Amino acid sequence: MNKLHFLPVAVSLGLLSGCNGFTRPLPPGNDYAGSQAIFSGLPAPMVFMGTATQWNDEYAVTAAHIPFTDNVVHRCSTGCDLVFIKRKAKGPVPQWREPVPGEEVVAVGYSGAMLVPVQGTGHAKSTRVLLEDKSSQVAYATHDAPLTVGMSGGPLYGADKAVLGINLGFGLDYQWYSDLDDPNSIGHSKRNSYYLSTDVIRAEWELFQRSLPQNQITQAH
């Protein structure tokens, strides 16, 4: 059984700026469902860019740190970096599941520099981290695929094309890691990227649904 390590770390988790590795354009005709570019609304329309991931036919999720996101209907109850937005699906809705440490992953999002979908490949890690600069005590999951500006809120896919969570940011301080006995630890990686995993997103979805009138409740997928 894979164990999860919880470590306090200093990371760069905010509006992604720069990158922590090289991403490449997503090939035309790919079947990674659910990724879409989003832009800030008023009072700074089209100034900030991020990525949203479709949750079901009626709602998508994205990173709370993207400024002035339109149509937000629920913010993470614990202060984690997550919002649900009202956004109808324009194509197939992806399946969601929880990550398995060591599995191959593909991070997908829209490059703020090139305005096109890009991808980075890597592996899911067993390490989960508590962020020192955030009040929330939610443990963020980790992987070692590269991220770049604009990919915040975009999906992290497993090899089966199911979504494992949404990408949020990356850190640069490797000396914080002490779980080197685990081969799936982020401490063995040349980069460390952070995402909010499906289990946390699903819990927030269930909380949001309980706040709605009975006739407005929808299925998760």
Protein backbone atom coordinates (compact mmCIF):
# COMPACT_ATOMS: atom_id res chain seq x y z
CA MET A 1 0.00 0.00 0.00
CA ASN A 2 1.39 3.40 -1.00
CA LYS A 3 1.77 5.82 1.88
CA LEU A 4 1.16 9.54 1.64
CA HIS A 5 3.64 11.96 3.19
CA PHE A 6 2.37 15.29 4.53
CA LEU A 7 4.99 18.01 4.64
CA PRO A 8 4.87 21.78 5.19
CA VAL A 9 6.64 23.42 2.25
CA ALA A 10 7.39 26.83 0.83
CA VAL A 11 5.99 26.93 -2.70
CA SER A 12 5.00 29.23 -5.51
CA LEU A 13 1.23 28.83 -5.55
CA GLY A 14 -0.48 31.83 -6.98
CA LEU A 15 -1.20 32.98 -10.47
CA LEU A 16 1.34 30.88 -12.34
CA SER A 17 4.15 33.01 -13.72
CA GLY A 18 7.07 31.54 -15.58
CA CYS A 19 7.41 27.77 -15.71
CA ASN A 20 9.20 24.88 -14.06
CA GLY A 21 10.01 22.95 -17.23
CA PHE A 22 9.22 22.69 -20.92
CA THR A 23 5.66 22.10 -22.11
CA ARG A 24 4.69 21.38 -25.69
CA PRO A 25 1.57 22.07 -27.77
CA LEU A 26 -1.23 19.55 -27.39
CA PRO A 27 -1.55 17.62 -30.68
CA PRO A 28 -4.64 18.33 -32.81
CA GLY A 29 -7.34 15.70 -32.53
CA ASN A 30 -6.37 14.65 -29.00
CA ASP A 31 -9.04 13.07 -26.82
CA TYR A 32 -8.31 14.83 -23.54
CA ALA A 33 -11.83 15.97 -22.66
CA GLY A 34 -12.87 18.89 -20.52
CA SER A 35 -10.07 21.48 -20.73
CA GLN A 36 -11.00 25.04 -21.69
CA ALA A 37 -9.42 28.49 -21.58
CA ILE A 38 -10.96 31.12 -19.31
CA PHE A 39 -10.29 34.85 -18.99
CA SER A 40 -10.85 37.40 -16.26
CA GLY A 41 -14.03 39.46 -16.25
CA LEU A 42 -14.75 42.92 -14.89
CA PRO A 43 -13.03 45.06 -13.71
CA ALA A 44 -10.13 43.64 -15.75
CA PRO A 45 -11.71 41.86 -18.71
CA MET A 46 -9.39 39.58 -20.71
CA VAL A 47 -6.34 40.66 -18.68
CA PHE A 48 -5.76 37.38 -16.83
CA MET A 49 -5.93 33.91 -18.32
CA GLY A 50 -6.27 30.45 -16.84
CA THR A 51 -7.79 27.07 -17.55
CA ALA A 52 -11.02 25.45 -16.35
CA THR A 53 -11.86 21.76 -16.23
CA GLN A 54 -15.39 20.51 -16.84
CA TRP A 55 -16.87 18.75 -13.80
CA ASN A 56 -20.24 17.78 -15.27
CA ASP A 57 -22.67 19.04 -17.92
CA GLU A 58 -23.44 22.24 -16.03
CA TYR A 59 -20.37 23.16 -13.97
CA ALA A 60 -16.60 23.45 -14.29
CA VAL A 61 -13.84 23.91 -11.73
CA THR A 62 -10.79 26.14 -11.76
CA ALA A 63 -8.21 27.76 -9.47
CA ALA A 64 -9.52 30.35 -7.03
CA HIS A 65 -6.38 32.48 -7.46
CA ILE A 66 -7.26 33.43 -11.05
CA PRO A 67 -8.48 37.04 -10.66
CA PHE A 68 -12.03 38.14 -11.48
CA THR A 69 -13.32 34.79 -12.69
CA ASP A 70 -16.92 35.06 -13.93
CA ASN A 71 -19.89 32.92 -12.86
CA VAL A 72 -18.39 31.60 -9.61
CA VAL A 73 -21.09 29.68 -7.68
CA HIS A 74 -19.04 28.09 -4.89
CA ARG A 75 -15.68 28.74 -3.25
CA CYS A 76 -13.80 26.10 -1.31
CA SER A 77 -15.20 26.01 2.22
CA THR A 78 -11.74 25.56 3.76
CA GLY A 79 -10.06 28.32 1.77
CA CYS A 80 -8.37 25.91 -0.65
CA ASP A 81 -7.52 27.08 -4.16
CA LEU A 82 -10.78 25.96 -5.82
CA VAL A 83 -13.95 27.48 -7.24
CA PHE A 84 -16.89 25.96 -9.08
CA ILE A 85 -18.20 28.02 -11.99
CA LYS A 86 -21.46 27.80 -13.89
CA ARG A 87 -20.34 26.71 -17.35
CA LYS A 88 -22.12 24.36 -19.72
CA ALA A 89 -20.02 21.61 -21.30
CA LYS A 90 -19.17 22.21 -24.95
CA GLY A 91 -18.01 18.64 -25.55
CA PRO A 92 -17.52 15.35 -23.75
CA VAL A 93 -17.29 15.54 -19.95
CA PRO A 94 -14.24 13.68 -18.59
CA GLN A 95 -14.33 10.93 -16.02
CA TRP A 96 -12.78 11.80 -12.65
CA ARG A 97 -10.97 9.51 -10.23
CA GLU A 98 -8.37 9.65 -7.48
CA PRO A 99 -4.64 9.47 -8.35
CA VAL A 100 -2.37 6.46 -7.82
CA PRO A 101 1.22 7.28 -6.74
CA GLY A 102 3.67 6.41 -9.50
CA GLU A 103 1.21 6.46 -12.39
CA GLU A 104 1.99 8.40 -15.56
CA VAL A 105 0.21 11.76 -15.81
CA VAL A 106 -0.34 14.49 -18.38
CA ALA A 107 -0.91 18.08 -17.26
CA VAL A 108 -2.97 20.09 -19.76
CA GLY A 109 -3.82 23.77 -19.90
CA TYR A 110 -3.74 26.90 -22.00
CA SER A 111 -0.45 28.71 -22.34
CA GLY A 112 -0.74 32.36 -21.43
CA ALA A 113 2.17 33.08 -23.76
CA MET A 114 0.98 31.19 -26.86
CA LEU A 115 -2.82 31.10 -26.22
CA VAL A 116 -2.89 27.45 -27.28
CA PRO A 117 -3.40 24.22 -25.29
CA VAL A 118 -0.15 22.72 -24.04
CA GLN A 119 0.84 19.60 -22.13
CA GLY A 120 3.53 18.36 -19.80
CA THR A 121 4.15 14.74 -18.84
CA GLY A 122 5.34 13.17 -15.60
CA HIS A 123 4.25 10.93 -12.73
CA ALA A 124 1.89 11.27 -9.78
CA LYS A 125 3.71 11.39 -6.45
CA SER A 126 2.86 10.05 -3.02
CA THR A 127 3.76 13.32 -1.28
CA ARG A 128 0.96 15.64 -0.20
CA VAL A 129 1.83 19.07 1.12
CA LEU A 130 0.42 21.74 3.39
CA LEU A 131 1.23 25.19 2.05
CA GLU A 132 2.84 27.60 4.48
CA ASP A 133 1.43 30.70 2.80
CA LYS A 134 -2.20 29.47 2.81
CA SER A 135 -4.62 29.44 5.72
CA SER A 136 -6.32 26.29 4.45
CA GLN A 137 -5.18 23.00 5.95
CA VAL A 138 -6.05 21.08 2.77
CA ALA A 139 -3.26 18.76 1.66
CA TYR A 140 -2.32 19.35 -1.97
CA ALA A 141 -1.23 16.42 -4.12
CA THR A 142 2.01 16.50 -6.13
CA HIS A 143 3.38 15.41 -9.49
CA ASP A 144 6.51 16.15 -11.50
CA ALA A 145 5.05 17.20 -14.85
CA PRO A 146 6.04 20.73 -15.98
CA LEU A 147 3.60 23.63 -15.70
CA THR A 148 3.63 27.08 -17.24
CA VAL A 149 1.67 30.32 -16.96
CA GLY A 150 -2.00 29.85 -17.92
CA MET A 151 -2.26 26.21 -16.82
CA SER A 152 -3.74 27.02 -13.39
CA GLY A 153 -7.08 25.23 -13.05
CA GLY A 154 -6.37 22.85 -15.90
CA PRO A 155 -6.73 19.08 -15.66
CA LEU A 156 -4.18 16.49 -14.66
CA TYR A 157 -4.94 13.27 -16.55
CA GLY A 158 -4.01 9.69 -15.83
CA ALA A 159 -2.99 7.30 -18.60
CA ASP A 160 -6.65 6.29 -18.94
CA LYS A 161 -7.56 9.94 -19.73
CA ALA A 162 -9.48 10.27 -16.46
CA VAL A 163 -8.97 13.54 -14.57
CA LEU A 164 -7.06 13.20 -11.29
CA GLY A 165 -7.41 16.84 -10.20
CA ILE A 166 -6.63 20.41 -11.26
CA ASN A 167 -3.16 21.94 -11.52
CA LEU A 168 -2.36 24.92 -9.32
CA GLY A 169 1.33 25.82 -9.08
CA PHE A 170 4.86 24.68 -8.44
CA GLY A 171 7.62 24.94 -5.84
CA LEU A 172 11.34 25.28 -5.99
CA ASP A 173 12.68 24.35 -2.52
CA TYR A 174 13.83 20.73 -2.60
CA GLN A 175 15.54 20.81 0.80
CA TRP A 176 12.13 20.58 2.47
CA TYR A 177 11.64 16.98 1.42
CA SER A 178 12.52 14.24 3.88
CA ASP A 179 10.61 11.22 2.51
CA LEU A 180 13.40 9.84 0.32
CA ASP A 181 12.71 6.28 1.46
CA ASP A 182 9.66 6.25 -0.84
CA PRO A 183 10.51 5.90 -4.57
CA ASN A 184 7.28 7.76 -5.44
CA SER A 185 8.16 10.74 -3.25
CA ILE A 186 8.46 14.19 -4.81
CA GLY A 187 11.89 14.26 -3.20
CA HIS A 188 13.16 12.07 -6.06
CA SER A 189 11.90 14.46 -8.74
CA LYS A 190 13.70 17.16 -10.68
CA ARG A 191 10.60 19.38 -10.37
CA ASN A 192 7.61 19.57 -8.06
CA SER A 193 4.16 20.65 -9.19
CA TYR A 194 1.01 20.87 -7.10
CA TYR A 195 -2.62 20.06 -7.75
CA LEU A 196 -5.92 19.67 -5.96
CA SER A 197 -6.99 16.04 -6.20
CA THR A 198 -10.40 14.64 -7.05
CA ASP A 199 -11.23 13.60 -3.48
CA VAL A 200 -11.04 17.21 -2.25
CA ILE A 201 -13.00 18.53 -5.25
CA ARG A 202 -15.71 15.90 -4.80
CA ALA A 203 -16.11 16.76 -1.12
CA GLU A 204 -16.60 20.43 -2.00
CA TRP A 205 -19.08 19.49 -4.72
CA GLU A 206 -21.16 17.53 -2.22
CA LEU A 207 -21.09 20.48 0.18
CA PHE A 208 -22.19 22.85 -2.59
CA GLN A 209 -25.03 20.52 -3.60
CA ARG A 210 -26.34 20.41 -0.03
CA SER A 211 -26.67 24.19 -0.11
CA LEU A 212 -28.96 24.16 -3.17
CA PRO A 213 -32.73 23.75 -3.39
CA GLN A 214 -33.73 20.18 -4.20
CA ASN A 215 -34.80 21.05 -7.74
CA GLN A 216 -31.34 22.50 -8.56
CA ILE A 217 -29.23 19.51 -7.51
CA THR A 218 -27.32 17.89 -10.37
CA GLN A 219 -25.24 14.77 -10.75
CA ALA A 220 -21.48 15.01 -10.34
CA HIS A 221 -20.76 13.42 -13.72
